Amino acid sequence: MKNEIMLEAPITINWAINNSCNFACRHCYSRNDTHDELARDVLFSCIEKVAKAGVLSINFGGGEPLLHPYLLDIASFASGLGLRVSMNSNGWLIDAPMAATLKAAGFTKIGISIDSHLPETHDSFRGMPGSHARAVAALGHISAVGIATSISTVICRINNASVKDLVSFALDNRAGQINFHNFKCSGLGLSNKDELDLSPEEWKVFYRSALAAKEREKGIDVSLDDPIIALLGARDTSSMVKGSVCGKLSLNIKSNGDITPCGFIPVVIGNISTDDLRQVWRESTVLDRMRNKKPTGKCSGCSKYEDCLGGCTARALALTGDMNNPDPHCWGTEGSESESQ
């Protein structure tokens, strides 16, 4: 069955503009990626290509994007072309003057990575003493200049039982959104999987708690980006597609210009400096397979497959070698009809 929607171009580009970072996070997906970076004039040309292709927004990441020497220039150029510009940052370099500069450069939203409400836990996980305090301060500086704020939290063994505390922390710091990101098995995330990842049953318990918080808390957007919440009778109602959005609504671009379906799927399908983005979007056989996944194993008999579409494609590919295989985080059983209970 063909995917229900086929856009002319991705809505969003997640652009890992650099891989340099001042932190040493234990789950980093890009630590071992190339540190080759596109030249400034090439970046400008590529941003223009993206805008002309019909992309609506760019989210800059890394690495730590604020370490890139031309980030502000690139953001201003992209914003001037009508692109909505956002960023994910660890917050270390964002003081009050920098927040004002980011506002002037056109940033409309900035997500700050905070993985625990407990400073010592966050600092240890991120490999940087004092990083929790700097991240909290960054949230305040960003909000003060009128940029929308969000907190990005990677769920793993250090925080999976702390949903209420994490949401309360986000509310106390006036974040507009808290993103609970499912743990990916890419880069150091794969190397440290046995230590940090949860069992399928533990993911089930976490998502029950997170969905309850999403229903309960009206003062903040509790965002869940994992398709397997369909097993609990839930899905992201704001999404235009079912299953993973990667390759359907968004693409990833690496620091050297390589295009991949998402940041956690290291399969190169083109390069933004040499290839036509719309052509890659339309003709990539990898994207076609992602958009038209085939149920295998226990997915074949699951009543939730139509909404879940096998869960996270990146995780299935990383741990099983086949994007059509069931998401290893899935707690469903063969042919189960009652997993939403």
Protein backbone atom coordinates (compact mmCIF):
# COMPACT_ATOMS: atom_id res chain seq x y z
CA MET A 1 0.00 0.00 0.00
CA LYS A 2 1.44 3.35 -1.05
CA ASN A 3 1.98 6.08 1.53
CA GLU A 4 -1.06 8.38 1.84
CA ILE A 5 0.84 11.55 0.93
CA MET A 6 3.66 12.44 -1.42
CA LEU A 7 4.97 15.97 -1.13
CA GLU A 8 6.94 17.71 -3.85
CA ALA A 9 9.74 18.37 -1.34
CA PRO A 10 10.40 17.75 2.34
CA ILE A 11 8.74 20.20 4.71
CA THR A 12 11.75 20.27 7.01
CA ILE A 13 15.48 19.78 6.60
CA ASN A 14 17.39 18.74 9.72
CA TRP A 15 20.85 20.07 8.94
CA ALA A 16 23.81 18.83 11.01
CA ILE A 17 25.86 21.81 9.97
CA ASN A 18 28.94 20.60 11.89
CA ASN A 19 30.01 17.69 14.09
CA SER A 20 32.37 19.55 16.41
CA CYS A 21 31.11 19.69 19.99
CA ASN A 22 32.23 20.90 23.40
CA PHE A 23 30.40 18.06 25.18
CA ALA A 24 31.02 14.31 25.44
CA CYS A 25 27.50 12.85 25.50
CA ARG A 26 27.29 9.11 26.01
CA HIS A 27 24.58 8.64 23.37
CA CYS A 28 25.91 10.94 20.61
CA TYR A 29 24.94 9.72 17.13
CA SER A 30 27.45 11.88 15.24
CA ARG A 31 30.65 11.72 17.27
CA ASN A 32 32.30 9.45 14.70
CA ASP A 33 30.88 11.22 11.64
CA THR A 34 33.02 13.15 9.19
CA HIS A 35 34.18 16.58 10.28
CA ASP A 36 34.32 17.79 6.69
CA GLU A 37 32.24 20.94 6.34
CA LEU A 38 30.93 22.80 3.34
CA ALA A 39 32.56 26.14 2.57
CA ARG A 40 30.59 29.29 3.37
CA ASP A 41 29.76 30.15 -0.24
CA VAL A 42 28.72 26.55 -0.93
CA LEU A 43 26.45 26.61 2.13
CA PHE A 44 24.77 29.77 0.85
CA SER A 45 24.23 28.15 -2.54
CA CYS A 46 22.82 25.01 -0.94
CA ILE A 47 20.45 26.97 1.29
CA GLU A 48 19.18 28.73 -1.82
CA LYS A 49 18.62 25.37 -3.53
CA VAL A 50 16.66 24.13 -0.53
CA ALA A 51 14.42 27.20 -0.54
CA LYS A 52 13.79 26.96 -4.29
CA ALA A 53 12.86 23.28 -3.90
CA GLY A 54 9.96 24.31 -1.67
CA VAL A 55 11.29 23.35 1.76
CA LEU A 56 9.59 25.39 4.49
CA SER A 57 11.96 25.11 7.44
CA ILE A 58 15.51 24.24 8.45
CA ASN A 59 16.48 22.98 11.88
CA PHE A 60 20.20 23.32 12.52
CA GLY A 61 21.96 20.76 14.68
CA GLY A 62 25.32 19.10 14.98
CA GLY A 63 27.50 18.61 16.95
CA GLU A 64 26.94 21.95 18.62
CA PRO A 65 25.82 24.31 15.84
CA LEU A 66 26.98 27.43 17.69
CA LEU A 67 30.56 26.23 17.19
CA HIS A 68 30.15 26.64 13.43
CA PRO A 69 31.84 29.89 12.36
CA TYR A 70 29.11 30.85 9.87
CA LEU A 71 25.96 29.70 11.63
CA LEU A 72 24.60 33.20 12.20
CA ASP A 73 25.31 34.24 8.60
CA ILE A 74 23.68 31.09 7.26
CA ALA A 75 20.64 31.49 9.52
CA SER A 76 20.18 35.12 8.46
CA PHE A 77 20.45 34.15 4.80
CA ALA A 78 17.95 31.29 5.20
CA SER A 79 15.52 33.48 7.13
CA GLY A 80 15.80 36.14 4.43
CA LEU A 81 14.72 33.56 1.86
CA GLY A 82 11.54 32.92 3.86
CA LEU A 83 12.66 29.71 5.54
CA ARG A 84 11.65 29.14 9.14
CA VAL A 85 14.88 28.70 11.08
CA SER A 86 15.29 26.75 14.32
CA MET A 87 18.12 25.04 16.17
CA ASN A 88 18.98 22.38 18.72
CA SER A 89 21.74 23.38 21.14
CA ASN A 90 23.29 22.24 24.39
CA GLY A 91 22.92 25.84 25.60
CA TRP A 92 26.49 26.31 26.83
CA LEU A 93 27.23 29.29 24.59
CA ILE A 94 23.89 31.08 24.90
CA ASP A 95 24.09 34.08 27.20
CA ALA A 96 21.90 37.21 27.00
CA PRO A 97 23.87 38.92 24.18
CA MET A 98 23.98 35.69 22.15
CA ALA A 99 20.22 35.21 22.59
CA ALA A 100 19.64 38.70 21.16
CA THR A 101 21.99 37.91 18.27
CA LEU A 102 20.12 34.67 17.54
CA LYS A 103 16.85 36.59 17.49
CA ALA A 104 18.32 39.09 15.03
CA ALA A 105 19.56 36.21 12.85
CA GLY A 106 15.98 34.99 12.44
CA PHE A 107 15.73 32.02 14.77
CA THR A 108 12.11 31.41 15.70
CA LYS A 109 12.58 28.39 17.99
CA ILE A 110 15.50 26.86 19.87
CA GLY A 111 15.52 23.51 21.59
CA ILE A 112 17.87 23.07 24.53
CA SER A 113 19.04 19.57 25.40
CA ILE A 114 18.35 18.75 29.06
CA ASP A 115 18.23 15.07 29.97
CA SER A 116 17.45 15.25 33.67
CA HIS A 117 15.86 17.60 36.16
CA LEU A 118 18.81 16.69 38.43
CA PRO A 119 21.92 18.78 37.60
CA GLU A 120 24.44 16.12 38.54
CA THR A 121 22.71 13.45 36.44
CA HIS A 122 22.52 15.68 33.38
CA ASP A 123 26.12 16.86 33.76
CA SER A 124 27.41 13.30 34.03
CA PHE A 125 25.39 12.10 31.03
CA ARG A 126 26.54 15.04 28.91
CA GLY A 127 30.15 14.83 30.04
CA MET A 128 30.33 18.52 31.01
CA PRO A 129 30.29 19.80 34.62
CA GLY A 130 28.05 22.84 34.99
CA SER A 131 26.16 22.17 31.77
CA HIS A 132 22.76 21.85 33.47
CA ALA A 133 22.99 25.33 34.98
CA ARG A 134 24.12 26.81 31.67
CA ALA A 135 21.27 25.06 29.83
CA VAL A 136 18.68 26.38 32.28
CA ALA A 137 20.12 29.89 31.97
CA ALA A 138 19.99 29.59 28.16
CA LEU A 139 16.28 28.81 28.31
CA GLY A 140 15.71 32.04 30.19
CA HIS A 141 17.82 34.13 27.83
CA ILE A 142 16.11 32.71 24.75
CA SER A 143 12.64 33.23 26.15
CA ALA A 144 13.47 36.79 27.21
CA VAL A 145 14.14 37.85 23.61
CA GLY A 146 10.94 36.25 22.29
CA ILE A 147 12.27 33.05 20.75
CA ALA A 148 10.07 30.00 21.37
CA THR A 149 11.76 27.46 23.64
CA SER A 150 11.66 23.71 23.94
CA ILE A 151 13.50 21.15 26.01
CA SER A 152 14.85 18.08 24.22
CA THR A 153 15.18 15.03 26.46
CA VAL A 154 16.59 11.72 25.27
CA ILE A 155 14.80 9.00 27.18
CA CYS A 156 17.06 6.26 28.51
CA ARG A 157 17.87 4.54 31.78
CA ILE A 158 18.87 7.76 33.56
CA ASN A 159 15.42 9.36 33.29
CA ASN A 160 12.72 6.91 32.16
CA ALA A 161 11.07 6.87 35.61
CA SER A 162 11.11 10.69 35.96
CA VAL A 163 8.31 11.83 33.65
CA LYS A 164 6.46 13.90 36.27
CA ASP A 165 9.67 15.54 37.48
CA LEU A 166 10.81 16.32 33.93
CA VAL A 167 7.48 17.89 32.98
CA SER A 168 7.38 19.90 36.21
CA PHE A 169 10.92 21.08 35.54
CA ALA A 170 9.95 22.19 32.02
CA LEU A 171 6.93 24.07 33.36
CA ASP A 172 9.00 25.75 36.06
CA ASN A 173 11.39 26.98 33.38
CA ARG A 174 8.57 28.19 31.12
CA ALA A 175 9.47 26.00 28.19
CA GLY A 176 6.73 25.86 25.60
CA GLN A 177 7.42 22.24 24.77
CA ILE A 178 9.24 19.19 26.08
CA ASN A 179 10.28 16.61 23.49
CA PHE A 180 10.69 13.09 24.80
CA HIS A 181 12.98 11.56 22.18
CA ASN A 182 13.12 7.79 21.95
CA PHE A 183 16.60 6.36 22.40
CA LYS A 184 18.31 5.71 19.07
CA CYS A 185 20.92 3.03 18.52
CA SER A 186 23.26 5.07 16.35
CA GLY A 187 26.87 6.07 16.97
CA LEU A 188 27.65 6.03 20.67
CA GLY A 189 23.99 5.19 21.25
CA LEU A 190 24.71 1.79 19.74
CA SER A 191 27.99 1.37 21.61
CA ASN A 192 26.30 2.15 24.94
CA LYS A 193 22.96 0.51 24.16
CA ASP A 194 23.21 -2.25 26.77
CA GLU A 195 23.86 0.31 29.49
CA LEU A 196 21.37 3.01 28.46
CA ASP A 197 18.50 1.52 26.45
CA LEU A 198 15.28 0.17 27.98
CA SER A 199 13.62 -3.18 27.48
CA PRO A 200 10.40 -3.25 25.43
CA GLU A 201 8.32 -3.63 28.61
CA GLU A 202 10.09 -0.66 30.17
CA TRP A 203 9.29 1.40 27.08
CA LYS A 204 5.65 0.43 27.48
CA VAL A 205 5.64 1.66 31.10
CA PHE A 206 7.39 4.89 30.11
CA TYR A 207 4.97 5.69 27.31
CA ARG A 208 1.96 5.05 29.49
CA SER A 209 3.34 7.60 31.93
CA ALA A 210 4.28 10.08 29.19
CA LEU A 211 0.86 9.86 27.52
CA ALA A 212 -0.81 10.44 30.88
CA ALA A 213 1.33 13.56 31.34
CA LYS A 214 0.46 14.74 27.83
CA GLU A 215 -3.24 14.40 28.64
CA ARG A 216 -2.91 15.94 32.10
CA GLU A 217 -0.67 18.96 31.45
CA LYS A 218 -2.28 21.69 29.38
CA GLY A 219 0.34 24.37 30.01
CA ILE A 220 3.02 22.67 27.92
CA ASP A 221 3.23 20.57 24.77
CA VAL A 222 4.49 17.10 25.75
CA SER A 223 5.80 15.79 22.42
CA LEU A 224 6.42 12.11 21.68
CA ASP A 225 8.16 11.23 18.41
CA ASP A 226 7.87 7.44 18.57
CA PRO A 227 5.40 5.64 16.24
CA ILE A 228 5.06 2.71 18.64
CA ILE A 229 2.76 4.77 20.88
CA ALA A 230 0.13 3.47 18.48
CA LEU A 231 0.25 0.26 20.51
CA LEU A 232 -1.28 2.25 23.37
CA GLY A 233 -4.03 3.63 21.20
CA ALA A 234 -2.21 6.91 20.58
CA ARG A 235 -0.51 8.64 17.67
CA ASP A 236 0.80 12.08 16.82
CA THR A 237 -2.40 13.68 15.56
CA SER A 238 -0.46 16.71 14.28
CA SER A 239 1.52 14.58 11.84
CA MET A 240 0.49 14.37 8.20
CA VAL A 241 1.68 10.76 7.95
CA LYS A 242 1.57 7.55 9.93
CA GLY A 243 4.66 5.80 11.22
CA SER A 244 8.00 7.57 11.08
CA VAL A 245 8.09 11.02 9.45
CA CYS A 246 11.65 10.52 8.14
CA GLY A 247 11.76 10.42 4.35
CA LYS A 248 8.08 11.42 4.24
CA LEU A 249 8.09 14.92 5.75
CA SER A 250 11.78 15.50 6.44
CA LEU A 251 15.33 14.76 5.36
CA ASN A 252 18.72 15.09 7.02
CA ILE A 253 21.81 16.81 5.64
CA LYS A 254 25.23 16.09 7.09
CA SER A 255 28.08 18.56 7.57
CA ASN A 256 29.68 17.55 4.24
CA GLY A 257 26.39 17.93 2.37
CA ASP A 258 25.44 14.26 2.22
CA ILE A 259 21.69 13.70 2.28
CA THR A 260 20.32 10.87 4.44
CA PRO A 261 16.73 9.92 5.29
CA CYS A 262 17.31 10.96 8.91
CA GLY A 263 20.20 11.67 11.22
CA PHE A 264 20.05 8.15 12.60
CA ILE A 265 20.05 6.32 9.25
CA PRO A 266 23.59 6.54 7.83
CA VAL A 267 22.56 5.71 4.28
CA VAL A 268 23.63 8.42 1.81
CA ILE A 269 21.06 9.07 -0.91
CA GLY A 270 22.63 12.17 -2.47
CA ASN A 271 24.56 15.35 -1.74
CA ILE A 272 22.95 18.77 -1.51
CA SER A 273 25.91 20.48 -3.20
CA THR A 274 25.79 18.34 -6.34
CA ASP A 275 22.32 16.77 -6.59
CA ASP A 276 18.83 18.10 -7.24
CA LEU A 277 16.91 17.87 -3.95
CA ARG A 278 13.52 17.31 -5.56
CA GLN A 279 14.92 14.56 -7.77
CA VAL A 280 16.47 12.81 -4.77
CA TRP A 281 13.17 13.19 -2.92
CA ARG A 282 11.17 11.70 -5.77
CA GLU A 283 13.51 9.02 -7.09
CA SER A 284 15.50 7.61 -4.15
CA THR A 285 14.91 3.86 -3.88
CA VAL A 286 15.80 4.05 -0.18
CA LEU A 287 13.08 6.62 0.46
CA ASP A 288 10.62 4.56 -1.56
CA ARG A 289 11.28 1.54 0.67
CA MET A 290 10.82 3.68 3.77
CA ARG A 291 7.54 5.10 2.49
CA ASN A 292 6.22 1.66 1.57
CA LYS A 293 7.41 -0.63 4.30
CA LYS A 294 6.25 -4.25 4.35
CA PRO A 295 5.18 -5.87 7.61
CA THR A 296 7.35 -8.78 8.67
CA GLY A 297 7.48 -11.03 11.72
CA LYS A 298 5.05 -10.05 14.46
CA CYS A 299 4.10 -6.88 12.53
CA SER A 300 2.28 -9.07 9.99
CA GLY A 301 -0.36 -10.02 12.52
CA CYS A 302 -0.58 -6.76 14.48
CA SER A 303 -3.78 -4.75 14.43
CA LYS A 304 -1.81 -1.55 15.09
CA TYR A 305 0.52 -1.84 12.09
CA GLU A 306 -1.55 0.54 9.95
CA ASP A 307 -0.81 3.37 12.41
CA CYS A 308 2.65 2.31 13.63
CA LEU A 309 4.12 1.00 10.35
CA GLY A 310 6.68 -1.04 12.23
CA GLY A 311 7.87 1.74 14.56
CA CYS A 312 11.22 3.51 14.24
CA THR A 313 12.84 2.62 10.91
CA ALA A 314 16.29 3.79 12.09
CA ARG A 315 16.23 1.50 15.10
CA ALA A 316 15.04 -1.51 13.10
CA LEU A 317 17.76 -0.97 10.51
CA ALA A 318 20.51 -0.43 13.10
CA LEU A 319 19.71 -3.49 15.19
CA THR A 320 18.36 -5.96 12.63
CA GLY A 321 19.78 -4.81 9.29
CA ASP A 322 16.32 -4.60 7.69
CA MET A 323 14.11 -1.53 7.86
CA ASN A 324 10.99 -3.71 7.41
CA ASN A 325 11.64 -5.66 10.60
CA PRO A 326 9.68 -4.81 13.76
CA ASP A 327 11.09 -2.03 15.92
CA PRO A 328 13.18 -3.74 18.64
CA HIS A 329 11.53 -1.45 21.21
CA CYS A 330 8.10 -2.87 20.41
CA TRP A 331 6.47 -4.77 23.27
CA GLY A 332 3.73 -6.26 21.11
CA THR A 333 3.41 -10.00 20.72
CA GLU A 334 2.76 -12.13 17.65
CA GLY A 335 -0.75 -11.47 16.42
CA SER A 336 -1.70 -9.52 19.55
CA GLU A 337 -4.97 -7.59 19.41
CA SER A 338 -4.88 -6.19 22.95
CA GLU A 339 -1.66 -4.18 23.25
CA SER A 340 -3.53 -0.91 23.73
CA GLN A 341 -4.99 -2.20 26.96
